[in-house]
Amino acid sequence: MAKITFKPNEDRVLVEPAAAELKTASGIIIPDTAKEKPQKGKVIAVGDGIKDKPVTVKVGDQILYGKYSGTELTIDGKEYLIMRNSDIFGTI
């Protein structure tokens, strides 16, 4: 994996979303139009935090976040999400 040179500001976190499920537990293949956005991912970069509010995750953590959390962006052709530390529910 190439090193990301992007550094989030303040309490923001750069996340690589997990891949969407391709089939159900019973083996039914899910078409692209019915796939749900993943709600977990891996922390790629973190900001320095805000005074009196440090960022609570670190690079490499697996996290859970809200369904509509973050803003999608593309860096070096790869899709990422950037979100505030407060949008993260917790680590796995």
N, C-alpha and C. Protein backbone atom coordinates (compact mmCIF):
# COMPACT_ATOMS: atom_id res chain seq x y z
N MET A 1 0.85 -1.18 0.00
CA MET A 1 0.00 0.00 0.00
C MET A 1 0.89 1.23 0.00
N ALA A 2 0.57 2.18 -0.87
CA ALA A 2 1.33 3.41 -0.94
C ALA A 2 1.02 4.30 0.26
N LYS A 3 2.01 5.04 0.69
CA LYS A 3 1.83 5.93 1.84
C LYS A 3 1.01 7.15 1.43
N ILE A 4 0.02 7.48 2.24
CA ILE A 4 -0.83 8.64 2.00
C ILE A 4 -0.14 9.87 2.58
N THR A 5 -0.07 10.93 1.81
CA THR A 5 0.55 12.17 2.29
C THR A 5 -0.48 13.15 2.81
N PHE A 6 -1.75 12.76 2.77
CA PHE A 6 -2.84 13.61 3.24
C PHE A 6 -2.86 13.66 4.76
N LYS A 7 -2.94 14.86 5.33
CA LYS A 7 -3.00 15.04 6.79
C LYS A 7 -4.28 15.78 7.12
N PRO A 8 -5.25 15.12 7.79
CA PRO A 8 -6.50 15.79 8.16
C PRO A 8 -6.26 16.91 9.17
N ASN A 9 -7.12 17.93 9.13
CA ASN A 9 -7.07 19.03 10.08
C ASN A 9 -7.85 18.70 11.34
N GLU A 10 -7.47 19.31 12.43
CA GLU A 10 -8.16 19.28 13.71
C GLU A 10 -8.58 17.87 14.12
N ASP A 11 -9.88 17.64 14.30
CA ASP A 11 -10.36 16.35 14.80
C ASP A 11 -10.89 15.44 13.69
N ARG A 12 -10.44 15.65 12.48
CA ARG A 12 -10.91 14.83 11.37
C ARG A 12 -10.05 13.57 11.21
N VAL A 13 -10.70 12.54 10.63
CA VAL A 13 -10.07 11.23 10.46
C VAL A 13 -10.30 10.78 9.03
N LEU A 14 -9.26 10.27 8.37
CA LEU A 14 -9.36 9.71 7.02
C LEU A 14 -9.56 8.21 7.16
N VAL A 15 -10.63 7.69 6.54
CA VAL A 15 -11.00 6.28 6.70
C VAL A 15 -11.09 5.60 5.34
N GLU A 16 -10.57 4.38 5.26
CA GLU A 16 -10.75 3.54 4.08
C GLU A 16 -11.93 2.61 4.37
N PRO A 17 -13.08 2.81 3.70
CA PRO A 17 -14.25 1.97 3.99
C PRO A 17 -13.99 0.51 3.61
N ALA A 18 -14.61 -0.39 4.38
CA ALA A 18 -14.53 -1.82 4.07
C ALA A 18 -15.32 -2.08 2.79
N ALA A 19 -15.01 -3.16 2.11
CA ALA A 19 -15.72 -3.53 0.89
C ALA A 19 -17.15 -3.93 1.22
N ALA A 20 -18.08 -3.63 0.33
CA ALA A 20 -19.48 -4.01 0.51
C ALA A 20 -19.62 -5.52 0.37
N GLU A 21 -20.58 -6.07 1.08
CA GLU A 21 -20.84 -7.51 1.02
C GLU A 21 -21.29 -7.91 -0.39
N LEU A 22 -20.74 -9.03 -0.90
CA LEU A 22 -21.10 -9.50 -2.23
C LEU A 22 -22.26 -10.47 -2.21
N LYS A 23 -22.44 -11.21 -1.08
CA LYS A 23 -23.57 -12.12 -0.97
C LYS A 23 -23.99 -12.26 0.48
N THR A 24 -25.21 -12.73 0.67
CA THR A 24 -25.76 -12.88 2.01
C THR A 24 -25.18 -14.11 2.69
N ALA A 25 -25.48 -14.27 3.97
CA ALA A 25 -25.00 -15.43 4.72
C ALA A 25 -25.53 -16.73 4.13
N SER A 26 -26.71 -16.69 3.51
CA SER A 26 -27.29 -17.90 2.92
C SER A 26 -26.81 -18.15 1.49
N GLY A 27 -25.96 -17.24 0.95
CA GLY A 27 -25.36 -17.47 -0.35
C GLY A 27 -26.00 -16.73 -1.50
N ILE A 28 -26.99 -15.90 -1.24
CA ILE A 28 -27.64 -15.14 -2.31
C ILE A 28 -26.74 -13.97 -2.72
N ILE A 29 -26.47 -13.85 -4.00
CA ILE A 29 -25.61 -12.78 -4.52
C ILE A 29 -26.40 -11.47 -4.53
N ILE A 30 -25.78 -10.42 -3.98
CA ILE A 30 -26.42 -9.11 -3.89
C ILE A 30 -26.03 -8.29 -5.12
N PRO A 31 -27.02 -7.81 -5.89
CA PRO A 31 -26.68 -6.98 -7.06
C PRO A 31 -26.15 -5.61 -6.62
N ASP A 32 -25.41 -4.96 -7.50
CA ASP A 32 -24.82 -3.66 -7.18
C ASP A 32 -25.84 -2.63 -6.73
N THR A 33 -27.02 -2.66 -7.30
CA THR A 33 -28.04 -1.66 -6.96
C THR A 33 -28.61 -1.85 -5.56
N ALA A 34 -28.45 -3.03 -4.97
CA ALA A 34 -29.02 -3.30 -3.64
C ALA A 34 -27.96 -3.30 -2.53
N LYS A 35 -26.71 -3.11 -2.89
CA LYS A 35 -25.65 -3.14 -1.88
C LYS A 35 -25.75 -1.94 -0.95
N GLU A 36 -25.52 -2.19 0.33
CA GLU A 36 -25.53 -1.12 1.32
C GLU A 36 -24.12 -0.59 1.52
N LYS A 37 -24.03 0.69 1.87
CA LYS A 37 -22.72 1.26 2.17
C LYS A 37 -22.18 0.59 3.42
N PRO A 38 -20.91 0.23 3.42
CA PRO A 38 -20.34 -0.36 4.64
C PRO A 38 -20.30 0.68 5.76
N GLN A 39 -20.41 0.21 7.00
CA GLN A 39 -20.37 1.10 8.15
C GLN A 39 -19.15 0.82 9.01
N LYS A 40 -18.14 0.22 8.39
CA LYS A 40 -16.89 0.01 9.11
C LYS A 40 -15.74 0.27 8.16
N GLY A 41 -14.59 0.53 8.73
CA GLY A 41 -13.44 0.83 7.91
C GLY A 41 -12.18 0.89 8.73
N LYS A 42 -11.08 1.24 8.06
CA LYS A 42 -9.76 1.30 8.68
C LYS A 42 -9.27 2.75 8.68
N VAL A 43 -8.75 3.19 9.80
CA VAL A 43 -8.23 4.55 9.92
C VAL A 43 -6.90 4.64 9.18
N ILE A 44 -6.80 5.60 8.26
CA ILE A 44 -5.60 5.78 7.44
C ILE A 44 -4.76 6.95 7.94
N ALA A 45 -5.41 8.04 8.38
CA ALA A 45 -4.70 9.22 8.88
C ALA A 45 -5.60 9.94 9.88
N VAL A 46 -4.98 10.60 10.85
CA VAL A 46 -5.74 11.36 11.86
C VAL A 46 -5.16 12.76 12.02
N GLY A 47 -6.04 13.69 12.39
CA GLY A 47 -5.60 15.05 12.66
C GLY A 47 -5.03 15.14 14.07
N ASP A 48 -4.61 16.34 14.46
CA ASP A 48 -3.99 16.55 15.77
C ASP A 48 -5.01 16.73 16.89
N GLY A 49 -6.29 16.91 16.55
CA GLY A 49 -7.31 17.13 17.56
C GLY A 49 -7.51 18.61 17.81
N ILE A 50 -8.50 18.91 18.64
CA ILE A 50 -8.81 20.27 19.03
C ILE A 50 -8.39 20.43 20.49
N LYS A 51 -8.09 21.64 20.89
CA LYS A 51 -7.70 21.91 22.27
C LYS A 51 -8.74 21.29 23.22
N ASP A 52 -8.29 20.55 24.18
CA ASP A 52 -9.10 19.86 25.18
C ASP A 52 -9.92 18.70 24.62
N LYS A 53 -9.79 18.37 23.32
CA LYS A 53 -10.49 17.24 22.72
C LYS A 53 -9.56 16.49 21.78
N PRO A 54 -8.75 15.57 22.30
CA PRO A 54 -7.84 14.81 21.43
C PRO A 54 -8.61 13.80 20.58
N VAL A 55 -8.02 13.40 19.47
CA VAL A 55 -8.60 12.37 18.62
C VAL A 55 -8.44 11.03 19.35
N THR A 56 -9.51 10.23 19.41
CA THR A 56 -9.51 9.01 20.22
C THR A 56 -9.13 7.75 19.46
N VAL A 57 -8.87 7.85 18.15
CA VAL A 57 -8.45 6.68 17.37
C VAL A 57 -7.05 6.92 16.83
N LYS A 58 -6.41 5.83 16.39
CA LYS A 58 -5.06 5.96 15.82
C LYS A 58 -5.02 5.24 14.48
N VAL A 59 -4.02 5.51 13.71
CA VAL A 59 -3.85 4.90 12.39
C VAL A 59 -3.82 3.38 12.55
N GLY A 60 -4.59 2.70 11.71
CA GLY A 60 -4.65 1.25 11.72
C GLY A 60 -5.84 0.68 12.47
N ASP A 61 -6.55 1.49 13.26
CA ASP A 61 -7.72 1.02 14.00
C ASP A 61 -8.84 0.66 13.04
N GLN A 62 -9.59 -0.40 13.36
CA GLN A 62 -10.81 -0.76 12.65
C GLN A 62 -11.95 -0.09 13.40
N ILE A 63 -12.78 0.68 12.70
CA ILE A 63 -13.80 1.47 13.37
C ILE A 63 -15.19 1.20 12.79
N LEU A 64 -16.22 1.58 13.57
CA LEU A 64 -17.60 1.60 13.13
C LEU A 64 -18.07 3.04 13.12
N TYR A 65 -18.84 3.41 12.09
CA TYR A 65 -19.33 4.78 11.98
C TYR A 65 -20.75 4.76 11.43
N GLY A 66 -21.42 5.90 11.47
CA GLY A 66 -22.80 6.02 11.00
C GLY A 66 -22.93 5.81 9.51
N LYS A 67 -24.13 5.40 9.10
CA LYS A 67 -24.40 5.09 7.71
C LYS A 67 -24.14 6.26 6.77
N TYR A 68 -24.45 7.47 7.20
CA TYR A 68 -24.28 8.64 6.35
C TYR A 68 -23.17 9.55 6.85
N SER A 69 -22.25 9.03 7.61
CA SER A 69 -21.14 9.82 8.16
C SER A 69 -20.08 10.09 7.10
N GLY A 70 -19.43 11.19 7.25
CA GLY A 70 -18.27 11.50 6.42
C GLY A 70 -18.58 12.04 5.05
N THR A 71 -17.53 12.49 4.41
CA THR A 71 -17.57 13.00 3.05
C THR A 71 -16.65 12.15 2.19
N GLU A 72 -17.16 11.70 1.05
CA GLU A 72 -16.36 10.87 0.16
C GLU A 72 -15.35 11.72 -0.59
N LEU A 73 -14.12 11.22 -0.69
CA LEU A 73 -13.11 11.87 -1.52
C LEU A 73 -12.19 10.84 -2.12
N THR A 74 -11.57 11.21 -3.23
CA THR A 74 -10.66 10.32 -3.94
C THR A 74 -9.26 10.88 -3.83
N ILE A 75 -8.33 10.03 -3.38
CA ILE A 75 -6.92 10.40 -3.29
C ILE A 75 -6.13 9.34 -4.03
N ASP A 76 -5.36 9.76 -5.00
CA ASP A 76 -4.56 8.84 -5.83
C ASP A 76 -5.41 7.72 -6.43
N GLY A 77 -6.64 8.04 -6.84
CA GLY A 77 -7.52 7.06 -7.48
C GLY A 77 -8.22 6.11 -6.55
N LYS A 78 -8.11 6.29 -5.25
CA LYS A 78 -8.73 5.39 -4.28
C LYS A 78 -9.76 6.17 -3.47
N GLU A 79 -10.89 5.52 -3.18
CA GLU A 79 -11.99 6.16 -2.45
C GLU A 79 -11.75 6.11 -0.93
N TYR A 80 -11.96 7.24 -0.28
CA TYR A 80 -11.85 7.35 1.18
C TYR A 80 -13.02 8.16 1.72
N LEU A 81 -13.18 8.14 3.02
CA LEU A 81 -14.12 9.00 3.72
C LEU A 81 -13.32 9.86 4.68
N ILE A 82 -13.74 11.12 4.83
CA ILE A 82 -13.16 11.96 5.87
C ILE A 82 -14.30 12.36 6.78
N MET A 83 -14.10 12.18 8.09
CA MET A 83 -15.16 12.45 9.05
C MET A 83 -14.57 12.99 10.34
N ARG A 84 -15.42 13.58 11.15
CA ARG A 84 -15.00 14.07 12.45
C ARG A 84 -14.89 12.90 13.42
N ASN A 85 -14.05 13.06 14.41
CA ASN A 85 -13.86 12.05 15.44
C ASN A 85 -15.20 11.71 16.11
N SER A 86 -16.07 12.69 16.27
CA SER A 86 -17.35 12.46 16.93
C SER A 86 -18.32 11.62 16.10
N ASP A 87 -18.05 11.43 14.79
CA ASP A 87 -18.89 10.57 13.94
C ASP A 87 -18.56 9.09 14.12
N ILE A 88 -17.48 8.79 14.80
CA ILE A 88 -17.05 7.40 14.99
C ILE A 88 -17.72 6.84 16.23
N PHE A 89 -18.38 5.68 16.07
CA PHE A 89 -19.07 5.04 17.18
C PHE A 89 -18.10 4.31 18.10
N GLY A 90 -17.06 3.68 17.54
CA GLY A 90 -16.09 2.96 18.36
C GLY A 90 -15.17 2.13 17.51
N THR A 91 -14.24 1.45 18.17
CA THR A 91 -13.29 0.58 17.47
C THR A 91 -13.69 -0.89 17.62
N ILE A 92 -13.26 -1.68 16.66
CA ILE A 92 -13.56 -3.12 16.68
C ILE A 92 -12.35 -3.85 17.23
